[in-house]
Amino acid sequence: MQFRPKQLTVVSGKGGTGKTTCLASFAALAQDKVIADCDVDASNLYLLLHPDNTEEGEFYGAKIAVRDEDKCVKCGLCEEACRFNAITVDEIDEPACEGCGLCVRVCPQDALSLEPIVCGNWYVGETRYGPMAHARLLPAAESSGRLVTLVRQKAEDLAFAHELPLILIDGPPGLGCTTTAALADVDMAVIVAEPTLSGMHDMRRQVEMINHFGTAAAVVINKWDINADNTQVLRNYCAQKNLPVLAEVPYDTTVTEALAQEVPLVEHNGGPAAEAVRSAWDRVTQMLAAL
């Protein structure tokens, strides 16, 4: 039978729900795995896992307009055509350029072309918890979905090279192209939700996306005790959608202490939140084994 690692992505409907904290603890608890930080717009898993990078490279994503000054006659047609105000007869505003190519098409002197630019950097390294692939998108850079795909490919290469049966993916929050890239073709998704109005609303939308992929899913309710009524609404919703609730994590100041010490929560001095996350991981391993 051909070797194929299982892949688990941890996501959240909105930022700040505790997604990365949960994934870092899963990485500390799991055996024989590769870790991938695919939250490339706000990469911070490395702060807890401290990878020693052994490989790195530049990521070329979006294209922008480049002018050949020797050919340009400053006719101004490019400036008139650009709806993003990204180009004038004197300069090109790189962050404003959308790479649509209209200026290239209207230039009568063929003085403009679209060229790929560096949008970020990717890294492969070793942590005390196993090999890790991650990346950082440059400020205001685009093509983050393609960068997520690149990080996942690096993680899969590591899994095949070391014959590791599991890839743990820290996915982006929300519903954008990065989240789609982090969820496509994975075996299981874990949604970290909080009992706030925005958290509940965004979680429902993300469940719809995961259902579209036909991916097995489960939920971790974080800080369940900050609003017991909303937590009950979340429980009812999960029951209606046949979503297992892996754990209900209470508000716990040891979470902040663990972050300040730059270690995964389960490697801190214990506490009710850490125990709940351990319980969630036990349920995850059971679900993965059944897939």
Protein backbone atom coordinates (compact mmCIF):
# COMPACT_ATOMS: atom_id res chain seq x y z
CA MET A 1 0.00 0.00 0.00
CA GLN A 2 1.36 3.42 -0.95
CA PHE A 3 2.42 5.60 1.98
CA ARG A 4 0.22 8.65 2.48
CA PRO A 5 0.37 10.89 5.55
CA LYS A 6 -2.89 12.06 7.07
CA GLN A 7 -3.38 15.82 7.29
CA LEU A 8 -5.15 17.80 10.01
CA THR A 9 -5.83 21.53 9.70
CA VAL A 10 -6.76 23.71 12.67
CA VAL A 11 -8.78 26.77 11.65
CA SER A 12 -11.06 29.42 13.12
CA GLY A 13 -13.82 31.61 11.79
CA LYS A 14 -12.06 34.73 13.08
CA GLY A 15 -8.67 35.63 14.44
CA GLY A 16 -7.81 35.55 18.12
CA THR A 17 -9.82 32.47 19.10
CA GLY A 18 -6.79 30.43 20.24
CA LYS A 19 -6.19 28.48 17.04
CA THR A 20 -2.38 28.69 17.07
CA THR A 21 -2.25 28.01 20.81
CA CYS A 22 -4.25 24.84 20.21
CA LEU A 23 -2.14 23.70 17.25
CA ALA A 24 1.12 24.29 19.14
CA SER A 25 -0.10 22.02 21.92
CA PHE A 26 -1.18 19.38 19.41
CA ALA A 27 2.35 19.56 17.97
CA ALA A 28 3.81 18.99 21.43
CA LEU A 29 1.52 16.03 22.11
CA ALA A 30 1.61 14.26 18.74
CA GLN A 31 4.18 11.68 17.75
CA ASP A 32 5.86 11.27 14.35
CA LYS A 33 4.51 14.30 12.53
CA VAL A 34 5.38 17.29 10.40
CA ILE A 35 4.24 20.79 11.38
CA ALA A 36 3.15 23.39 8.83
CA ASP A 37 2.33 27.02 9.63
CA CYS A 38 0.01 28.05 6.80
CA ASP A 39 -1.22 31.24 8.44
CA VAL A 40 1.22 33.08 6.18
CA ASP A 41 -0.42 36.51 6.53
CA ALA A 42 0.22 36.48 10.29
CA SER A 43 2.75 33.72 10.85
CA ASN A 44 3.52 33.31 14.56
CA LEU A 45 3.67 29.58 15.30
CA TYR A 46 7.47 29.83 15.12
CA LEU A 47 7.36 31.95 18.29
CA LEU A 48 6.22 28.88 20.25
CA LEU A 49 8.05 26.09 18.41
CA HIS A 50 11.37 27.87 17.67
CA PRO A 51 12.41 26.15 14.42
CA ASP A 52 16.07 26.02 13.47
CA ASN A 53 15.76 26.75 9.75
CA THR A 54 17.84 24.55 7.46
CA GLU A 55 16.38 25.70 4.12
CA GLU A 56 14.82 28.90 2.90
CA GLY A 57 13.89 30.57 -0.33
CA GLU A 58 12.08 33.50 -1.88
CA PHE A 59 8.47 33.24 -2.98
CA TYR A 60 7.59 34.92 -6.24
CA GLY A 61 3.87 35.54 -6.41
CA ALA A 62 2.11 38.52 -7.93
CA LYS A 63 3.29 40.38 -11.01
CA ILE A 64 3.63 44.15 -11.31
CA ALA A 65 4.24 46.54 -14.17
CA VAL A 66 7.86 47.31 -15.05
CA ARG A 67 8.85 50.13 -17.39
CA ASP A 68 11.69 50.18 -19.93
CA GLU A 69 12.71 53.82 -19.67
CA ASP A 70 14.59 53.67 -22.98
CA LYS A 71 11.38 52.87 -24.85
CA CYS A 72 9.00 55.12 -22.91
CA VAL A 73 7.99 58.37 -24.63
CA LYS A 74 5.82 59.55 -21.70
CA CYS A 75 2.62 59.63 -23.76
CA GLY A 76 0.52 59.13 -20.61
CA LEU A 77 -1.82 56.44 -21.99
CA CYS A 78 -0.85 54.05 -19.18
CA GLU A 79 -1.67 56.68 -16.56
CA GLU A 80 -5.07 57.33 -18.13
CA ALA A 81 -5.93 53.62 -18.31
CA CYS A 82 -4.89 52.60 -14.77
CA ARG A 83 -7.93 52.63 -12.47
CA PHE A 84 -5.74 51.95 -9.42
CA ASN A 85 -3.64 55.12 -9.82
CA ALA A 86 -0.58 52.87 -9.70
CA ILE A 87 1.31 54.34 -12.65
CA THR A 88 2.25 57.78 -13.94
CA VAL A 89 4.59 58.89 -16.69
CA ASP A 90 7.28 59.27 -14.04
CA GLU A 91 6.93 56.30 -11.67
CA ILE A 92 5.15 53.07 -10.78
CA ASP A 93 3.64 52.67 -7.31
CA GLU A 94 4.44 48.98 -6.71
CA PRO A 95 2.11 48.39 -3.71
CA ALA A 96 -0.80 49.92 -5.64
CA CYS A 97 -0.22 47.87 -8.81
CA GLU A 98 -2.70 44.99 -9.16
CA GLY A 99 -0.85 43.38 -12.06
CA CYS A 100 -3.92 43.53 -14.31
CA GLY A 101 -1.79 44.24 -17.39
CA LEU A 102 -3.99 46.96 -18.89
CA CYS A 103 -1.10 49.41 -19.00
CA VAL A 104 0.96 46.84 -20.88
CA ARG A 105 -1.81 46.44 -23.44
CA VAL A 106 -2.34 50.16 -24.11
CA CYS A 107 1.35 51.15 -24.30
CA PRO A 108 2.10 51.92 -27.98
CA GLN A 109 5.86 51.61 -27.46
CA ASP A 110 5.89 48.20 -25.73
CA ALA A 111 7.70 49.94 -22.90
CA LEU A 112 5.79 48.11 -20.16
CA SER A 113 5.78 44.45 -19.11
CA LEU A 114 4.56 42.39 -16.15
CA GLU A 115 7.31 40.87 -14.02
CA PRO A 116 7.00 38.63 -10.93
CA ILE A 117 8.18 40.09 -7.65
CA VAL A 118 9.22 38.62 -4.32
CA CYS A 119 6.11 38.40 -2.11
CA GLY A 120 7.55 36.48 0.83
CA ASN A 121 9.94 33.82 2.06
CA TRP A 122 9.50 30.14 2.85
CA TYR A 123 11.44 28.12 5.42
CA VAL A 124 12.03 24.48 6.33
CA GLY A 125 13.54 23.68 9.70
CA GLU A 126 13.75 21.43 12.72
CA THR A 127 12.02 21.91 16.06
CA ARG A 128 12.17 19.82 19.21
CA TYR A 129 8.72 18.59 18.18
CA GLY A 130 9.66 17.54 14.65
CA PRO A 131 10.31 19.06 11.21
CA MET A 132 8.44 22.23 10.32
CA ALA A 133 7.61 24.18 7.17
CA HIS A 134 6.52 27.81 7.43
CA ALA A 135 6.58 31.10 5.56
CA ARG A 136 6.18 34.83 5.94
CA LEU A 137 4.33 37.00 3.47
CA LEU A 138 5.78 40.47 3.01
CA PRO A 139 3.62 43.40 4.20
CA ALA A 140 0.90 44.26 1.64
CA ALA A 141 2.03 41.37 -0.58
CA GLU A 142 -0.45 39.16 -2.44
CA SER A 143 -0.70 35.58 -3.71
CA SER A 144 -0.90 34.30 -0.13
CA GLY A 145 -3.01 31.34 -1.24
CA ARG A 146 -0.21 30.16 -3.50
CA LEU A 147 2.25 30.56 -0.63
CA VAL A 148 0.05 28.35 1.57
CA THR A 149 0.10 25.71 -1.15
CA LEU A 150 3.90 25.97 -1.30
CA VAL A 151 4.22 25.50 2.48
CA ARG A 152 1.95 22.46 2.34
CA GLN A 153 4.04 20.99 -0.45
CA LYS A 154 7.21 21.48 1.62
CA ALA A 155 5.50 19.79 4.56
CA GLU A 156 4.42 16.85 2.40
CA ASP A 157 7.96 16.51 1.07
CA LEU A 158 9.21 16.30 4.67
CA ALA A 159 6.57 13.72 5.58
CA PHE A 160 7.48 11.49 2.64
CA ALA A 161 11.22 11.94 3.16
CA HIS A 162 11.01 10.91 6.84
CA GLU A 163 7.99 8.59 6.47
CA LEU A 164 6.02 10.55 9.05
CA PRO A 165 2.32 9.60 9.08
CA LEU A 166 0.80 12.95 10.12
CA ILE A 167 0.93 16.59 9.02
CA LEU A 168 -0.40 19.20 11.47
CA ILE A 169 -1.40 22.43 9.73
CA ASP A 170 -1.99 25.77 11.43
CA GLY A 171 -4.52 27.25 9.02
CA PRO A 172 -5.54 30.87 8.55
CA PRO A 173 -8.72 32.30 10.08
CA GLY A 174 -11.70 33.31 7.99
CA LEU A 175 -12.88 32.27 4.55
CA GLY A 176 -10.30 33.65 2.13
CA CYS A 177 -8.17 31.91 -0.45
CA THR A 178 -5.53 31.07 2.18
CA THR A 179 -8.09 29.14 4.23
CA THR A 180 -9.30 27.33 1.14
CA ALA A 181 -5.71 26.37 0.29
CA ALA A 182 -5.12 25.13 3.85
CA LEU A 183 -8.29 22.99 3.91
CA ALA A 184 -8.25 21.46 0.44
CA ASP A 185 -7.68 17.69 0.46
CA VAL A 186 -7.01 17.37 4.19
CA ASP A 187 -8.40 14.45 6.18
CA MET A 188 -9.79 16.43 9.11
CA ALA A 189 -10.43 20.00 10.23
CA VAL A 190 -10.60 21.24 13.81
CA ILE A 191 -12.45 24.53 14.29
CA VAL A 192 -11.53 26.59 17.33
CA ALA A 193 -14.51 28.77 18.25
CA GLU A 194 -15.28 31.23 21.01
CA PRO A 195 -18.73 32.01 22.46
CA THR A 196 -18.95 35.57 21.15
CA LEU A 197 -21.41 36.85 18.57
CA SER A 198 -18.72 37.42 15.94
CA GLY A 199 -17.03 34.12 16.75
CA MET A 200 -20.27 32.17 16.44
CA HIS A 201 -21.28 33.89 13.20
CA ASP A 202 -17.92 33.31 11.54
CA MET A 203 -17.76 29.72 12.75
CA ARG A 204 -21.05 28.93 11.02
CA ARG A 205 -19.73 30.28 7.74
CA GLN A 206 -16.56 28.23 8.06
CA VAL A 207 -18.54 25.08 8.76
CA GLU A 208 -20.33 25.65 5.44
CA MET A 209 -16.96 25.87 3.68
CA ILE A 210 -15.67 22.68 5.30
CA ASN A 211 -18.88 20.86 4.42
CA HIS A 212 -18.35 21.93 0.81
CA PHE A 213 -15.05 20.04 0.84
CA GLY A 214 -16.69 17.02 2.47
CA THR A 215 -14.02 17.05 5.18
CA ALA A 216 -14.48 15.47 8.60
CA ALA A 217 -14.68 18.23 11.21
CA ALA A 218 -14.84 18.77 14.95
CA VAL A 219 -14.95 21.78 17.26
CA VAL A 220 -13.02 23.07 20.24
CA ILE A 221 -14.94 25.71 22.21
CA ASN A 222 -12.36 28.04 23.75
CA LYS A 223 -13.05 30.25 26.78
CA TRP A 224 -16.43 28.59 27.11
CA ASP A 225 -17.10 30.17 30.51
CA ILE A 226 -16.95 33.80 29.36
CA ASN A 227 -20.56 33.48 28.14
CA ALA A 228 -22.43 30.35 29.21
CA ASP A 229 -25.54 31.21 27.19
CA ASN A 230 -23.59 31.56 23.93
CA THR A 231 -21.70 28.37 24.71
CA GLN A 232 -25.02 26.55 24.94
CA VAL A 233 -25.96 27.99 21.54
CA LEU A 234 -22.69 26.61 20.16
CA ARG A 235 -23.39 23.19 21.72
CA ASN A 236 -26.84 23.12 20.16
CA TYR A 237 -25.48 24.14 16.75
CA CYS A 238 -22.79 21.46 16.85
CA ALA A 239 -25.36 18.83 17.81
CA GLN A 240 -27.60 19.93 14.94
CA LYS A 241 -24.71 19.71 12.45
CA ASN A 242 -23.31 16.45 13.90
CA LEU A 243 -20.06 18.19 14.81
CA PRO A 244 -18.24 16.53 17.73
CA VAL A 245 -17.18 18.96 20.44
CA LEU A 246 -13.68 17.78 21.29
CA ALA A 247 -13.31 19.90 24.40
CA GLU A 248 -14.56 23.00 26.15
CA VAL A 249 -11.54 25.01 27.22
CA PRO A 250 -12.09 27.40 30.16
CA TYR A 251 -10.62 30.86 30.45
CA ASP A 252 -7.26 30.36 32.12
CA THR A 253 -4.50 32.89 32.83
CA THR A 254 -1.88 30.16 32.39
CA VAL A 255 -2.50 30.46 28.63
CA THR A 256 -1.10 33.98 28.68
CA GLU A 257 1.79 32.84 30.87
CA ALA A 258 2.67 30.07 28.40
CA LEU A 259 2.61 32.54 25.50
CA ALA A 260 4.84 34.94 27.41
CA GLN A 261 7.30 32.10 28.02
CA GLU A 262 7.08 31.13 24.32
CA VAL A 263 6.16 27.48 24.97
CA PRO A 264 3.12 25.38 24.00
CA LEU A 265 0.37 25.50 26.59
CA VAL A 266 0.62 21.80 27.50
CA GLU A 267 4.30 22.25 28.35
CA HIS A 268 3.54 25.01 30.86
CA ASN A 269 2.74 24.34 34.50
CA GLY A 270 -0.59 22.68 33.84
CA GLY A 271 -4.00 24.14 34.55
CA PRO A 272 -7.57 23.49 33.40
CA ALA A 273 -7.02 24.88 29.89
CA ALA A 274 -4.04 22.60 29.27
CA GLU A 275 -5.97 19.58 30.49
CA ALA A 276 -8.87 20.42 28.19
CA VAL A 277 -6.52 20.70 25.21
CA ARG A 278 -4.97 17.34 26.11
CA SER A 279 -8.47 15.86 26.14
CA ALA A 280 -9.15 17.42 22.73
CA TRP A 281 -6.02 15.82 21.29
CA ASP A 282 -7.03 12.40 22.63
CA ARG A 283 -10.33 12.76 20.76
CA VAL A 284 -8.53 13.92 17.60
CA THR A 285 -6.29 10.84 17.58
CA GLN A 286 -9.36 8.61 17.87
CA MET A 287 -11.09 10.38 14.98
CA LEU A 288 -7.99 10.29 12.76
CA ALA A 289 -7.53 6.58 13.44
CA ALA A 290 -11.09 5.95 12.27
CA LEU A 291 -10.65 7.81 8.96
